[in-house]
PDB file of N, CA and C in Angstrom:
ATOM      1  N   MET A   1      79.330 185.459  74.094  1.00  0.00           N
ATOM      2  CA  MET A   1      79.081 185.565  75.501  1.00  0.00           C
ATOM      3  C   MET A   1      77.588 185.791  75.801  1.00  0.00           C
ATOM      4  N   LEU A   2      76.917 186.584  74.999  1.00  0.00           N
ATOM      5  CA  LEU A   2      75.521 186.940  75.284  1.00  0.00           C
ATOM      6  C   LEU A   2      74.559 186.106  74.455  1.00  0.00           C
ATOM      7  N   ARG A   3      74.619 184.828  74.613  1.00  0.00           N
ATOM      8  CA  ARG A   3      73.791 183.939  73.791  1.00  0.00           C
ATOM      9  C   ARG A   3      72.357 183.802  74.286  1.00  0.00           C
ATOM     10  N   THR A   4      72.053 184.347  75.456  1.00  0.00           N
ATOM     11  CA  THR A   4      70.690 184.251  75.983  1.00  0.00           C
ATOM     12  C   THR A   4      70.222 185.622  76.475  1.00  0.00           C
ATOM     13  N   ARG A   5      68.904 185.788  76.547  1.00  0.00           N
ATOM     14  CA  ARG A   5      68.345 187.044  77.071  1.00  0.00           C
ATOM     15  C   ARG A   5      68.729 187.231  78.538  1.00  0.00           C
ATOM     16  N   HIS A   6      68.812 186.124  79.275  1.00  0.00           N
ATOM     17  CA  HIS A   6      69.191 186.215  80.686  1.00  0.00           C
ATOM     18  C   HIS A   6      70.590 186.809  80.838  1.00  0.00           C
ATOM     19  N   ARG A   7      71.534 186.336  80.046  1.00  0.00           N
ATOM     20  CA  ARG A   7      72.898 186.878  80.110  1.00  0.00           C
ATOM     21  C   ARG A   7      72.927 188.338  79.686  1.00  0.00           C
ATOM     22  N   GLU A   8      72.187 188.654  78.627  1.00  0.00           N
ATOM     23  CA  GLU A   8      72.127 190.045  78.161  1.00  0.00           C
ATOM     24  C   GLU A   8      71.583 190.946  79.260  1.00  0.00           C
ATOM     25  N   GLU A   9      70.507 190.518  79.902  1.00  0.00           N
ATOM     26  CA  GLU A   9      69.895 191.308  80.968  1.00  0.00           C
ATOM     27  C   GLU A   9      70.853 191.472  82.149  1.00  0.00           C
ATOM     28  N   ALA A  10      71.581 190.412  82.486  1.00  0.00           N
ATOM     29  CA  ALA A  10      72.538 190.493  83.597  1.00  0.00           C
ATOM     30  C   ALA A  10      73.636 191.505  83.281  1.00  0.00           C
ATOM     31  N   LEU A  11      74.146 191.475  82.047  1.00  0.00           N
ATOM     32  CA  LEU A  11      75.193 192.421  81.658  1.00  0.00           C
ATOM     33  C   LEU A  11      74.648 193.850  81.641  1.00  0.00           C
ATOM     34  N   LEU A  12      73.450 194.037  81.111  1.00  0.00           N
ATOM     35  CA  LEU A  12      72.832 195.358  81.087  1.00  0.00           C
ATOM     36  C   LEU A  12      72.685 195.901  82.506  1.00  0.00           C
ATOM     37  N   GLN A  13      72.166 195.090  83.415  1.00  0.00           N
ATOM     38  CA  GLN A  13      71.979 195.543  84.799  1.00  0.00           C
ATOM     39  C   GLN A  13      73.313 195.863  85.463  1.00  0.00           C
ATOM     40  N   THR A  14      74.346 195.098  85.155  1.00  0.00           N
ATOM     41  CA  THR A  14      75.676 195.375  85.714  1.00  0.00           C
ATOM     42  C   THR A  14      76.205 196.706  85.196  1.00  0.00           C
ATOM     43  N   CYS A  15      76.038 196.950  83.901  1.00  0.00           N
ATOM     44  CA  CYS A  15      76.486 198.223  83.323  1.00  0.00           C
ATOM     45  C   CYS A  15      75.736 199.396  83.947  1.00  0.00           C
ATOM     46  N   LEU A  16      74.433 199.251  84.109  1.00  0.00           N
ATOM     47  CA  LEU A  16      73.641 200.326  84.707  1.00  0.00           C
ATOM     48  C   LEU A  16      74.066 200.576  86.153  1.00  0.00           C
ATOM     49  N   ALA A  17      74.250 199.500  86.908  1.00  0.00           N
ATOM     50  CA  ALA A  17      74.601 199.628  88.323  1.00  0.00           C
ATOM     51  C   ALA A  17      75.991 200.222  88.537  1.00  0.00           C
ATOM     52  N   THR A  18      76.916 199.903  87.637  1.00  0.00           N
ATOM     53  CA  THR A  18      78.296 200.383  87.784  1.00  0.00           C
ATOM     54  C   THR A  18      78.568 201.626  86.963  1.00  0.00           C
ATOM     55  N   ARG A  19      77.529 202.121  86.247  1.00  0.00           N
ATOM     56  CA  ARG A  19      77.647 203.310  85.391  1.00  0.00           C
ATOM     57  C   ARG A  19      78.679 203.106  84.283  1.00  0.00           C
ATOM     58  N   GLN A  20      78.783 201.898  83.792  1.00  0.00           N
ATOM     59  CA  GLN A  20      79.683 201.548  82.697  1.00  0.00           C
ATOM     60  C   GLN A  20      78.969 201.786  81.371  1.00  0.00           C
ATOM     61  N   SER A  21      79.544 202.602  80.513  1.00  0.00           N
ATOM     62  CA  SER A  21      78.956 202.832  79.189  1.00  0.00           C
ATOM     63  C   SER A  21      78.834 201.508  78.449  1.00  0.00           C
ATOM     64  N   PHE A  22      77.828 201.417  77.596  1.00  0.00           N
ATOM     65  CA  PHE A  22      77.611 200.187  76.838  1.00  0.00           C
ATOM     66  C   PHE A  22      76.967 200.517  75.502  1.00  0.00           C
ATOM     67  N   VAL A  23      77.063 199.561  74.584  1.00  0.00           N
ATOM     68  CA  VAL A  23      76.474 199.691  73.251  1.00  0.00           C
ATOM     69  C   VAL A  23      75.572 198.482  73.027  1.00  0.00           C
ATOM     70  N   ILE A  24      74.380 198.735  72.545  1.00  0.00           N
ATOM     71  CA  ILE A  24      73.472 197.665  72.166  1.00  0.00           C
ATOM     72  C   ILE A  24      73.563 197.552  70.649  1.00  0.00           C
ATOM     73  N   ASP A  25      74.273 196.561  70.176  1.00  0.00           N
ATOM     74  CA  ASP A  25      74.467 196.341  68.742  1.00  0.00           C
ATOM     75  C   ASP A  25      73.530 195.209  68.338  1.00  0.00           C
ATOM     76  N   LYS A  26      72.279 195.597  68.114  1.00  0.00           N
ATOM     77  CA  LYS A  26      71.252 194.599  67.908  1.00  0.00           C
ATOM     78  C   LYS A  26      70.095 195.253  67.168  1.00  0.00           C
ATOM     79  N   THR A  27      69.400 194.481  66.373  1.00  0.00           N
ATOM     80  CA  THR A  27      68.216 194.998  65.703  1.00  0.00           C
ATOM     81  C   THR A  27      67.095 195.109  66.724  1.00  0.00           C
ATOM     82  N   ASN A  28      66.596 196.299  66.905  1.00  0.00           N
ATOM     83  CA  ASN A  28      65.462 196.563  67.794  1.00  0.00           C
ATOM     84  C   ASN A  28      64.418 197.302  66.962  1.00  0.00           C
ATOM     85  N   PRO A  29      63.621 196.558  66.202  1.00  0.00           N
ATOM     86  CA  PRO A  29      62.752 197.194  65.209  1.00  0.00           C
ATOM     87  C   PRO A  29      61.547 197.937  65.754  1.00  0.00           C
ATOM     88  N   THR A  30      61.166 197.700  66.997  1.00  0.00           N
ATOM     89  CA  THR A  30      59.965 198.362  67.506  1.00  0.00           C
ATOM     90  C   THR A  30      60.293 199.284  68.673  1.00  0.00           C
ATOM     91  N   ARG A  31      59.412 200.229  68.886  1.00  0.00           N
ATOM     92  CA  ARG A  31      59.556 201.163  70.008  1.00  0.00           C
ATOM     93  C   ARG A  31      59.635 200.386  71.323  1.00  0.00           C
ATOM     94  N   GLU A  32      58.803 199.373  71.448  1.00  0.00           N
ATOM     95  CA  GLU A  32      58.779 198.558  72.669  1.00  0.00           C
ATOM     96  C   GLU A  32      60.126 197.868  72.910  1.00  0.00           C
ATOM     97  N   GLU A  33      60.698 197.286  71.873  1.00  0.00           N
ATOM     98  CA  GLU A  33      61.987 196.604  72.028  1.00  0.00           C
ATOM     99  C   GLU A  33      63.095 197.594  72.392  1.00  0.00           C
ATOM    100  N   ARG A  34      63.083 198.763  71.785  1.00  0.00           N
ATOM    101  CA  ARG A  34      64.090 199.780  72.117  1.00  0.00           C
ATOM    102  C   ARG A  34      63.909 200.278  73.545  1.00  0.00           C
ATOM    103  N   GLY A  35      62.653 200.321  73.990  1.00  0.00           N
ATOM    104  CA  GLY A  35      62.357 200.786  75.327  1.00  0.00           C
ATOM    105  C   GLY A  35      62.970 199.936  76.424  1.00  0.00           C
ATOM    106  N   ARG A  36      63.226 198.660  76.146  1.00  0.00           N
ATOM    107  CA  ARG A  36      63.891 197.774  77.122  1.00  0.00           C
ATOM    108  C   ARG A  36      65.246 198.327  77.536  1.00  0.00           C
ATOM    109  N   TYR A  37      65.856 199.084  76.651  1.00  0.00           N
ATOM    110  CA  TYR A  37      67.187 199.634  76.917  1.00  0.00           C
ATOM    111  C   TYR A  37      67.120 201.131  77.250  1.00  0.00           C
ATOM    112  N   ILE A  38      66.296 201.851  76.495  1.00  0.00           N
ATOM    113  CA  ILE A  38      66.251 203.306  76.646  1.00  0.00           C
ATOM    114  C   ILE A  38      65.744 203.710  78.026  1.00  0.00           C
ATOM    115  N   GLY A  39      64.634 203.139  78.461  1.00  0.00           N
ATOM    116  CA  GLY A  39      64.054 203.512  79.748  1.00  0.00           C
ATOM    117  C   GLY A  39      65.027 203.329  80.906  1.00  0.00           C
ATOM    118  N   PRO A  40      65.582 202.134  81.077  1.00  0.00           N
ATOM    119  CA  PRO A  40      66.531 201.929  82.172  1.00  0.00           C
ATOM    120  C   PRO A  40      67.792 202.787  82.046  1.00  0.00           C
ATOM    121  N   ALA A  41      68.268 202.984  80.828  1.00  0.00           N
ATOM    122  CA  ALA A  41      69.472 203.810  80.641  1.00  0.00           C
ATOM    123  C   ALA A  41      69.197 205.254  81.043  1.00  0.00           C
ATOM    124  N   ARG A  42      68.059 205.789  80.634  1.00  0.00           N
ATOM    125  CA  ARG A  42      67.699 207.167  81.003  1.00  0.00           C
ATOM    126  C   ARG A  42      67.527 207.283  82.523  1.00  0.00           C
ATOM    127  N   ALA A  43      66.869 206.288  83.118  1.00  0.00           N
ATOM    128  CA  ALA A  43      66.640 206.312  84.566  1.00  0.00           C
ATOM    129  C   ALA A  43      67.954 206.279  85.342  1.00  0.00           C
ATOM    130  N   ALA A  44      68.977 205.661  84.745  1.00  0.00           N
ATOM    131  CA  ALA A  44      70.289 205.577  85.398  1.00  0.00           C
ATOM    132  C   ALA A  44      71.170 206.782  85.065  1.00  0.00           C
ATOM    133  N   GLY A  45      70.637 207.727  84.278  1.00  0.00           N
ATOM    134  CA  GLY A  45      71.377 208.952  83.977  1.00  0.00           C
ATOM    135  C   GLY A  45      72.272 208.893  82.755  1.00  0.00           C
ATOM    136  N   PHE A  46      72.113 207.863  81.937  1.00  0.00           N
ATOM    137  CA  PHE A  46      72.918 207.753  80.723  1.00  0.00           C
ATOM    138  C   PHE A  46      72.350 208.627  79.613  1.00  0.00           C
ATOM    139  N   ARG A  47      73.221 209.092  78.726  1.00  0.00           N
ATOM    140  CA  ARG A  47      72.794 209.710  77.468  1.00  0.00           C
ATOM    141  C   ARG A  47      72.505 208.566  76.511  1.00  0.00           C
ATOM    142  N   VAL A  48      71.457 208.705  75.729  1.00  0.00           N
ATOM    143  CA  VAL A  48      71.057 207.652  74.806  1.00  0.00           C
ATOM    144  C   VAL A  48      71.225 208.157  73.379  1.00  0.00           C
ATOM    145  N   ILE A  49      72.059 207.470  72.626  1.00  0.00           N
ATOM    146  CA  ILE A  49      72.340 207.840  71.236  1.00  0.00           C
ATOM    147  C   ILE A  49      71.918 206.679  70.348  1.00  0.00           C
ATOM    148  N   GLY A  50      71.084 206.964  69.351  1.00  0.00           N
ATOM    149  CA  GLY A  50      70.586 205.924  68.461  1.00  0.00           C
ATOM    150  C   GLY A  50      71.069 206.104  67.040  1.00  0.00           C
ATOM    151  N   TYR A  51      71.280 204.977  66.373  1.00  0.00           N
ATOM    152  CA  TYR A  51      71.661 204.954  64.962  1.00  0.00           C
ATOM    153  C   TYR A  51      70.656 204.077  64.230  1.00  0.00           C
ATOM    154  N   TYR A  52      69.922 204.685  63.302  1.00  0.00           N
ATOM    155  CA  TYR A  52      68.951 203.963  62.490  1.00  0.00           C
ATOM    156  C   TYR A  52      69.583 203.700  61.130  1.00  0.00           C
ATOM    157  N   PHE A  53      69.751 202.433  60.799  1.00  0.00           N
ATOM    158  CA  PHE A  53      70.363 202.076  59.526  1.00  0.00           C
ATOM    159  C   PHE A  53      69.291 201.948  58.451  1.00  0.00           C
ATOM    160  N   GLU A  54      69.552 202.582  57.312  1.00  0.00           N
ATOM    161  CA  GLU A  54      68.657 202.452  56.168  1.00  0.00           C
ATOM    162  C   GLU A  54      68.360 200.970  55.981  1.00  0.00           C
ATOM    163  N   SER A  55      67.099 200.641  55.846  1.00  0.00           N
ATOM    164  CA  SER A  55      66.704 199.233  55.872  1.00  0.00           C
ATOM    165  C   SER A  55      65.915 198.840  54.631  1.00  0.00           C
ATOM    166  N   ARG A  56      66.604 198.340  53.653  1.00  0.00           N
ATOM    167  CA  ARG A  56      65.950 197.817  52.452  1.00  0.00           C
ATOM    168  C   ARG A  56      66.119 196.305  52.458  1.00  0.00           C
ATOM    169  N   VAL A  57      65.007 195.597  52.319  1.00  0.00           N
ATOM    170  CA  VAL A  57      65.051 194.139  52.367  1.00  0.00           C
ATOM    171  C   VAL A  57      65.991 193.587  51.306  1.00  0.00           C
ATOM    172  N   SER A  58      65.926 194.120  50.101  1.00  0.00           N
ATOM    173  CA  SER A  58      66.775 193.598  49.025  1.00  0.00           C
ATOM    174  C   SER A  58      68.259 193.744  49.372  1.00  0.00           C
ATOM    175  N   ASP A  59      68.635 194.871  49.965  1.00  0.00           N
ATOM    176  CA  ASP A  59      70.035 195.073  50.362  1.00  0.00           C
ATOM    177  C   ASP A  59      70.425 194.116  51.491  1.00  0.00           C
ATOM    178  N   ALA A  60      69.525 193.945  52.450  1.00  0.00           N
ATOM    179  CA  ALA A  60      69.813 193.042  53.568  1.00  0.00           C
ATOM    180  C   ALA A  60      69.974 191.612  53.082  1.00  0.00           C
ATOM    181  N   LEU A  61      69.150 191.191  52.143  1.00  0.00           N
ATOM    182  CA  LEU A  61      69.259 189.841  51.599  1.00  0.00           C
ATOM    183  C   LEU A  61      70.580 189.659  50.849  1.00  0.00           C
ATOM    184  N   THR A  62      71.005 190.681  50.119  1.00  0.00           N
ATOM    185  CA  THR A  62      72.280 190.619  49.402  1.00  0.00           C
ATOM    186  C   THR A  62      73.443 190.498  50.376  1.00  0.00           C
ATOM    187  N   ARG A  63      73.456 191.341  51.426  1.00  0.00           N
ATOM    188  CA  ARG A  63      74.525 191.265  52.435  1.00  0.00           C
ATOM    189  C   ARG A  63      74.507 189.920  53.154  1.00  0.00           C
ATOM    190  N   ASN A  64      73.326 189.433  53.452  1.00  0.00           N
ATOM    191  CA  ASN A  64      73.177 188.159  54.146  1.00  0.00           C
ATOM    192  C   ASN A  64      73.757 187.010  53.320  1.00  0.00           C
ATOM    193  N   ALA A  65      73.537 187.056  52.016  1.00  0.00           N
ATOM    194  CA  ALA A  65      74.039 186.003  51.126  1.00  0.00           C
ATOM    195  C   ALA A  65      75.568 185.985  51.084  1.00  0.00           C
ATOM    196  N   GLN A  66      76.194 187.094  51.426  1.00  0.00           N
ATOM    197  CA  GLN A  66      77.653 187.187  51.417  1.00  0.00           C
ATOM    198  C   GLN A  66      78.281 186.635  52.700  1.00  0.00           C
ATOM    199  N   ARG A  67      77.470 186.352  53.688  1.00  0.00           N
ATOM    200  CA  ARG A  67      77.960 185.772  54.939  1.00  0.00           C
ATOM    201  C   ARG A  67      78.248 184.291  54.735  1.00  0.00           C
ATOM    202  N   SER A  68      79.022 183.736  55.646  1.00  0.00           N
ATOM    203  CA  SER A  68      79.237 182.288  55.595  1.00  0.00           C
ATOM    204  C   SER A  68      77.894 181.618  55.885  1.00  0.00           C
ATOM    205  N   PRO A  69      77.681 180.430  55.348  1.00  0.00           N
ATOM    206  CA  PRO A  69      76.377 179.773  55.514  1.00  0.00           C
ATOM    207  C   PRO A  69      75.925 179.654  56.976  1.00  0.00           C
ATOM    208  N   ASP A  70      76.834 179.391  57.896  1.00  0.00           N
ATOM    209  CA  ASP A  70      76.435 179.235  59.295  1.00  0.00           C
ATOM    210  C   ASP A  70      76.111 180.570  59.974  1.00  0.00           C
ATOM    211  N   ALA A  71      76.466 181.691  59.346  1.00  0.00           N
ATOM    212  CA  ALA A  71      76.189 183.016  59.914  1.00  0.00           C
ATOM    213  C   ALA A  71      74.984 183.692  59.265  1.00  0.00           C
ATOM    214  N   GLN A  72      74.404 183.054  58.260  1.00  0.00           N
ATOM    215  CA  GLN A  72      73.278 183.666  57.561  1.00  0.00           C
ATOM    216  C   GLN A  72      72.009 183.627  58.394  1.00  0.00           C
ATOM    217  N   VAL A  73      71.222 184.676  58.249  1.00  0.00           N
ATOM    218  CA  VAL A  73      69.917 184.783  58.899  1.00  0.00           C
ATOM    219  C   VAL A  73      68.888 184.242  57.913  1.00  0.00           C
ATOM    220  N   PRO A  74      67.950 183.420  58.357  1.00  0.00           N
ATOM    221  CA  PRO A  74      66.924 182.936  57.422  1.00  0.00           C
ATOM    222  C   PRO A  74      66.171 184.108  56.782  1.00  0.00           C
ATOM    223  N   GLU A  75      65.865 183.997  55.500  1.00  0.00           N
ATOM    224  CA  GLU A  75      65.157 185.068  54.783  1.00  0.00           C
ATOM    225  C   GLU A  75      63.866 185.437  55.499  1.00  0.00           C
ATOM    226  N   LYS A  76      63.187 184.459  56.037  1.00  0.00           N
ATOM    227  CA  LYS A  76      61.947 184.695  56.774  1.00  0.00           C
ATOM    228  C   LYS A  76      62.195 185.661  57.946  1.00  0.00           C
ATOM    229  N   GLY A  77      63.330 185.532  58.595  1.00  0.00           N
ATOM    230  CA  GLY A  77      63.669 186.411  59.714  1.00  0.00           C
ATOM    231  C   GLY A  77      63.889 187.846  59.271  1.00  0.00           C
ATOM    232  N   ILE A  78      64.563 188.012  58.145  1.00  0.00           N
ATOM    233  CA  ILE A  78      64.814 189.359  57.617  1.00  0.00           C
ATOM    234  C   ILE A  78      63.502 190.012  57.214  1.00  0.00           C
ATOM    235  N   ARG A  79      62.682 189.287  56.497  1.00  0.00           N
ATOM    236  CA  ARG A  79      61.397 189.846  56.060  1.00  0.00           C
ATOM    237  C   ARG A  79      60.460 190.109  57.241  1.00  0.00           C
ATOM    238  N   GLY A  80      60.471 189.230  58.223  1.00  0.00           N
ATOM    239  CA  GLY A  80      59.627 189.414  59.405  1.00  0.00           C
ATOM    240  C   GLY A  80      60.027 190.642  60.204  1.00  0.00           C
ATOM    241  N   THR A  81      61.331 190.841  60.371  1.00  0.00           N
ATOM    242  CA  THR A  81      61.817 192.019  61.094  1.00  0.00           C
ATOM    243  C   THR A  81      61.454 193.284  60.335  1.00  0.00           C
ATOM    244  N   SER A  82      61.597 193.254  59.024  1.00  0.00           N
ATOM    245  CA  SER A  82      61.238 194.415  58.207  1.00  0.00           C
ATOM    246  C   SER A  82      59.757 194.756  58.352  1.00  0.00           C
ATOM    247  N   ALA A  83      58.915 193.742  58.428  1.00  0.00           N
ATOM    248  CA  ALA A  83      57.474 193.972  58.548  1.00  0.00           C
ATOM    249  C   ALA A  83      57.110 194.610  59.891  1.00  0.00           C
ATOM    250  N   ARG A  84      57.925 194.366  60.914  1.00  0.00           N
ATOM    251  CA  ARG A  84      57.664 194.921  62.251  1.00  0.00           C
ATOM    252  C   ARG A  84      58.330 196.273  62.476  1.00  0.00           C
ATOM    253  N   LEU A  85      59.156 196.702  61.548  1.00  0.00           N
ATOM    254  CA  LEU A  85      59.973 197.891  61.729  1.00  0.00           C
ATOM    255  C   LEU A  85      59.145 199.153  61.970  1.00  0.00           C
ATOM    256  N   GLU A  86      59.484 199.851  63.061  1.00  0.00           N
ATOM    257  CA  GLU A  86      58.899 201.148  63.390  1.00  0.00           C
ATOM    258  C   GLU A  86      60.049 202.144  63.439  1.00  0.00           C
ATOM    259  N   ALA A  87      59.956 203.198  62.653  1.00  0.00           N
ATOM    260  CA  ALA A  87      61.017 204.213  62.666  1.00  0.00           C
ATOM    261  C   ALA A  87      61.123 204.811  64.063  1.00  0.00           C
ATOM    262  N   PRO A  88      62.339 205.063  64.516  1.00  0.00           N
ATOM    263  CA  PRO A  88      62.497 205.658  65.851  1.00  0.00           C
ATOM    264  C   PRO A  88      62.043 207.108  65.866  1.00  0.00           C
ATOM    265  N   GLU A  89      61.742 207.575  67.058  1.00  0.00           N
ATOM    266  CA  GLU A  89      61.369 208.973  67.264  1.00  0.00           C
ATOM    267  C   GLU A  89      62.134 209.492  68.474  1.00  0.00           C
ATOM    268  N   ARG A  90      62.505 210.748  68.420  1.00  0.00           N
ATOM    269  CA  ARG A  90      63.230 211.346  69.550  1.00  0.00           C
ATOM    270  C   ARG A  90      62.448 211.209  70.850  1.00  0.00           C
ATOM    271  N   SER A  91      61.136 211.221  70.747  1.00  0.00           N
ATOM    272  CA  SER A  91      60.287 211.148  71.936  1.00  0.00           C
ATOM    273  C   SER A  91      60.447 209.836  72.709  1.00  0.00           C
ATOM    274  N   GLU A  92      61.114 208.854  72.113  1.00  0.00           N
ATOM    275  CA  GLU A  92      61.358 207.592  72.809  1.00  0.00           C
ATOM    276  C   GLU A  92      62.387 207.758  73.930  1.00  0.00           C
ATOM    277  N   GLY A  93      63.126 208.868  73.893  1.00  0.00           N
ATOM    278  CA  GLY A  93      64.120 209.110  74.926  1.00  0.00           C
ATOM    279  C   GLY A  93      65.532 209.250  74.404  1.00  0.00           C
ATOM    280  N   PHE A  94      65.675 209.362  73.099  1.00  0.00           N
ATOM    281  CA  PHE A  94      67.011 209.550  72.516  1.00  0.00           C
ATOM    282  C   PHE A  94      67.512 210.964  72.786  1.00  0.00           C
ATOM    283  N   ASP A  95      68.769 211.092  73.186  1.00  0.00           N
ATOM    284  CA  ASP A  95      69.407 212.403  73.298  1.00  0.00           C
ATOM    285  C   ASP A  95      69.941 212.825  71.936  1.00  0.00           C
ATOM    286  N   GLU A  96      70.390 211.849  71.170  1.00  0.00           N
ATOM    287  CA  GLU A  96      70.866 212.076  69.803  1.00  0.00           C
ATOM    288  C   GLU A  96      70.367 210.911  68.965  1.00  0.00           C
ATOM    289  N   LEU A  97      70.053 211.195  67.711  1.00  0.00           N
ATOM    290  CA  LEU A  97      69.571 210.162  66.814  1.00  0.00           C
ATOM    291  C   LEU A  97      70.138 210.435  65.428  1.00  0.00           C
ATOM    292  N   TYR A  98      70.635 209.371  64.780  1.00  0.00           N
ATOM    293  CA  TYR A  98      71.287 209.506  63.484  1.00  0.00           C
ATOM    294  C   TYR A  98      70.717 208.505  62.482  1.00  0.00           C
ATOM    295  N   TYR A  99      70.771 208.896  61.225  1.00  0.00           N
ATOM    296  CA  TYR A  99      70.358 208.050  60.096  1.00  0.00           C
ATOM    297  C   TYR A  99      71.620 207.602  59.381  1.00  0.00           C
ATOM    298  N   VAL A 100      71.760 206.303  59.174  1.00  0.00           N
ATOM    299  CA  VAL A 100      72.984 205.753  58.585  1.00  0.00           C
ATOM    300  C   VAL A 100      72.654 205.041  57.277  1.00  0.00           C
ATOM    301  N   ARG A 101      73.389 205.406  56.232  1.00  0.00           N
ATOM    302  CA  ARG A 101      73.296 204.712  54.948  1.00  0.00           C
ATOM    303  C   ARG A 101      74.613 203.982  54.724  1.00  0.00           C
ATOM    304  N   ILE A 102      74.510 202.755  54.255  1.00  0.00           N
ATOM    305  CA  ILE A 102      75.714 202.003  53.898  1.00  0.00           C
ATOM    306  C   ILE A 102      76.047 202.364  52.463  1.00  0.00           C
ATOM    307  N   ILE A 103      77.266 202.863  52.270  1.00  0.00           N
ATOM    308  CA  ILE A 103      77.711 203.262  50.938  1.00  0.00           C
ATOM    309  C   ILE A 103      79.020 202.534  50.658  1.00  0.00           C
ATOM    310  N   GLY A 104      78.951 201.568  49.746  1.00  0.00           N
ATOM    311  CA  GLY A 104      80.145 200.766  49.458  1.00  0.00           C
ATOM    312  C   GLY A 104      80.587 200.052  50.724  1.00  0.00           C
ATOM    313  N   SER A 105      81.826 200.275  51.112  1.00  0.00           N
ATOM    314  CA  SER A 105      82.339 199.650  52.330  1.00  0.00           C
ATOM    315  C   SER A 105      82.346 200.634  53.500  1.00  0.00           C
ATOM    316  N   GLY A 106      81.652 201.777  53.336  1.00  0.00           N
ATOM    317  CA  GLY A 106      81.630 202.789  54.393  1.00  0.00           C
ATOM    318  C   GLY A 106      80.214 203.192  54.763  1.00  0.00           C
ATOM    319  N   PHE A 107      80.116 204.269  55.506  1.00  0.00           N
ATOM    320  CA  PHE A 107      78.834 204.741  56.001  1.00  0.00           C
ATOM    321  C   PHE A 107      78.681 206.236  55.784  1.00  0.00           C
ATOM    322  N   ASP A 108      77.457 206.654  55.497  1.00  0.00           N
ATOM    323  CA  ASP A 108      77.089 208.064  55.458  1.00  0.00           C
ATOM    324  C   ASP A 108      76.173 208.271  56.655  1.00  0.00           C
ATOM    325  N   ILE A 109      76.619 209.089  57.615  1.00  0.00           N
ATOM    326  CA  ILE A 109      75.866 209.296  58.850  1.00  0.00           C
ATOM    327  C   ILE A 109      75.375 210.735  58.885  1.00  0.00           C
ATOM    328  N   GLN A 110      74.066 210.882  59.054  1.00  0.00           N
ATOM    329  CA  GLN A 110      73.458 212.215  59.110  1.00  0.00           C
ATOM    330  C   GLN A 110      72.584 212.337  60.348  1.00  0.00           C
ATOM    331  N   GLU A 111      72.427 213.557  60.835  1.00  0.00           N
ATOM    332  CA  GLU A 111      71.521 213.762  61.973  1.00  0.00           C
ATOM    333  C   GLU A 111      70.105 213.422  61.543  1.00  0.00           C
ATOM    334  N   TRP A 112      69.351 212.871  62.474  1.00  0.00           N
ATOM    335  CA  TRP A 112      67.971 212.495  62.248  1.00  0.00           C
ATOM    336  C   TRP A 112      67.115 213.720  61.966  1.00  0.00           C
ATOM    337  N   ARG A 113      66.212 213.592  60.990  1.00  0.00           N
ATOM    338  CA  ARG A 113      65.339 214.721  60.637  1.00  0.00           C
ATOM    339  C   ARG A 113      63.869 214.365  60.794  1.00  0.00           C
ATOM    340  N   ASP A 114      63.568 213.423  61.686  1.00  0.00           N
ATOM    341  CA  ASP A 114      62.187 212.978  61.938  1.00  0.00           C
ATOM    342  C   ASP A 114      61.469 212.520  60.677  1.00  0.00           C
ATOM    343  N   GLU A 115      62.222 211.941  59.771  1.00  0.00           N
ATOM    344  CA  GLU A 115      61.650 211.363  58.559  1.00  0.00           C
ATOM    345  C   GLU A 115      62.647 210.344  58.020  1.00  0.00           C
ATOM    346  N   ILE A 116      62.144 209.454  57.203  1.00  0.00           N
ATOM    347  CA  ILE A 116      63.035 208.461  56.594  1.00  0.00           C
ATOM    348  C   ILE A 116      63.154 208.756  55.123  1.00  0.00           C
TER     349      ILE A 116
END
């Protein structure tokens, strides 16, 4: 459904206007990219909860290779996103922030400690 930025923005604005909770399930590697969501959500009175997933290029490439060929992300895209990655900070406007490690087929979720 959200194949374009225009559609994403329309849905975001609708959620903000109607006070409908929403989840942004997307890689937002920079403070600026996260700010597109955090600022408007805070201004609308939402609580902002962030999950930072442990990000190792080698692990991402391995997981990517396990996807069907049409769902794979080009290696250049994975490496480029990793190069732009900025660790989140509570000062960005997060009410809660968590660090997530993928362990086997599950997750280890810990409260953020302002370090990676």
